[in-house]
């Protein structure tokens, strides 16, 4: 399957990495980004490895998620297009009601 990132997910990842780059270090930001890309890379071969999302904002749409550090990577499988759509990179320390996809 092909893994595609939405603009929102790219933006969220970029913001998180920028924050860590400014507050901690560029090395930490690069490590976070690398780990998230590593996790999402596995979805092309194993799209169902993530748990089903239970957040009522997106559960009915069939979203799943993976966790990498403090980040929840929310995605859904579009079988007819043989695609995995990465919809959001959500900091789990935030209010779950703030999840956007």
Protein backbone atom coordinates (compact mmCIF):
# COMPACT_ATOMS: atom_id res chain seq x y z
CA UNK A 1 0.00 0.00 0.00
CA UNK A 2 1.02 3.56 -0.59
CA UNK A 3 1.38 5.84 2.45
CA UNK A 4 0.18 9.42 1.90
CA UNK A 5 0.39 12.28 4.38
CA UNK A 6 -2.28 14.99 4.54
CA UNK A 7 -1.17 18.61 4.69
CA UNK A 8 -2.54 18.79 8.24
CA UNK A 9 -0.42 15.83 9.38
CA UNK A 10 2.70 17.26 7.72
CA UNK A 11 2.07 20.61 9.35
CA UNK A 12 1.53 19.08 12.79
CA UNK A 13 4.76 17.09 12.54
CA UNK A 14 6.65 20.15 11.34
CA UNK A 15 5.31 22.24 14.25
CA UNK A 16 6.25 19.58 16.80
CA UNK A 17 9.76 19.26 15.41
CA UNK A 18 10.20 23.02 15.24
CA UNK A 19 9.18 23.29 18.88
CA UNK A 20 11.71 20.66 19.98
CA UNK A 21 14.39 22.20 17.80
CA UNK A 22 13.91 25.58 19.50
CA UNK A 23 13.33 24.38 23.07
CA UNK A 24 15.55 21.30 23.30
CA UNK A 25 17.84 20.67 20.31
CA UNK A 26 17.92 19.93 16.61
CA UNK A 27 19.11 16.41 17.43
CA UNK A 28 16.02 15.68 19.54
CA UNK A 29 13.72 17.13 16.85
CA UNK A 30 15.38 14.98 14.18
CA UNK A 31 15.05 11.90 16.39
CA UNK A 32 11.31 12.48 16.90
CA UNK A 33 10.75 12.99 13.17
CA UNK A 34 12.81 9.91 12.31
CA UNK A 35 10.91 7.68 14.75
CA UNK A 36 7.53 8.86 13.45
CA UNK A 37 8.56 8.24 9.83
CA UNK A 38 9.91 4.83 10.80
CA UNK A 39 6.59 3.89 12.43
CA UNK A 40 4.50 5.11 9.50
CA UNK A 41 6.80 3.39 7.00
CA UNK A 42 5.66 0.02 8.34
CA UNK A 43 2.08 0.81 7.33
CA UNK A 44 2.80 0.17 3.65
CA UNK A 45 3.29 -3.54 4.41
CA UNK A 46 1.12 -3.88 7.52
CA UNK A 47 -1.65 -1.28 7.38
CA UNK A 48 -3.72 -2.86 10.15
CA UNK A 49 -1.01 -2.83 12.85
CA UNK A 50 -2.52 0.21 14.52
CA UNK A 51 -5.32 0.03 17.03
CA UNK A 52 -8.78 1.25 16.11
CA UNK A 53 -9.28 4.85 17.18
CA UNK A 54 -11.78 5.14 20.03
CA UNK A 55 -12.05 8.94 20.05
CA UNK A 56 -15.70 9.61 19.14
CA UNK A 57 -14.63 12.46 16.85
CA UNK A 58 -13.15 9.99 14.36
CA UNK A 59 -14.03 6.45 15.47
CA UNK A 60 -17.06 6.13 13.21
CA UNK A 61 -14.94 6.89 10.14
CA UNK A 62 -12.67 3.89 10.74
CA UNK A 63 -9.47 5.62 11.80
CA UNK A 64 -6.62 3.75 13.43
CA UNK A 65 -3.55 4.97 15.24
CA UNK A 66 0.04 4.19 16.10
CA UNK A 67 1.99 5.68 18.98
CA UNK A 68 5.51 7.06 18.77
CA UNK A 69 6.74 8.64 21.99
CA UNK A 70 4.19 11.27 23.01
CA UNK A 71 2.59 11.32 19.56
CA UNK A 72 -0.45 9.52 18.24
CA UNK A 73 -0.30 9.02 14.48
CA UNK A 74 -3.89 8.86 13.26
CA UNK A 75 -4.54 7.20 9.91
CA UNK A 76 -7.10 5.34 7.88
CA UNK A 77 -6.92 2.66 5.25
CA UNK A 78 -8.50 3.36 1.88
CA UNK A 79 -8.63 -0.18 0.49
CA UNK A 80 -10.05 0.62 -2.93
CA UNK A 81 -7.12 2.98 -3.59
CA UNK A 82 -4.57 0.74 -1.86
CA UNK A 83 -3.61 3.71 0.28
CA UNK A 84 -2.93 4.51 3.91
CA UNK A 85 -3.77 8.14 4.66
CA UNK A 86 -1.88 9.71 7.57
CA UNK A 87 -4.45 12.21 8.83
CA UNK A 88 -2.88 13.66 11.98
CA UNK A 89 0.12 13.66 14.28
CA UNK A 90 -1.39 14.42 17.66
CA UNK A 91 0.49 15.19 20.88
CA UNK A 92 -1.14 12.89 23.44
CA UNK A 93 -0.49 15.40 26.21
CA UNK A 94 -3.21 17.59 24.71
CA UNK A 95 -6.95 17.40 25.32
CA UNK A 96 -8.29 14.51 23.16
CA UNK A 97 -11.16 16.79 22.07
CA UNK A 98 -8.57 18.91 20.22
CA UNK A 99 -7.83 16.10 17.75
CA UNK A 100 -8.22 17.31 14.16
CA UNK A 101 -8.27 15.14 11.04
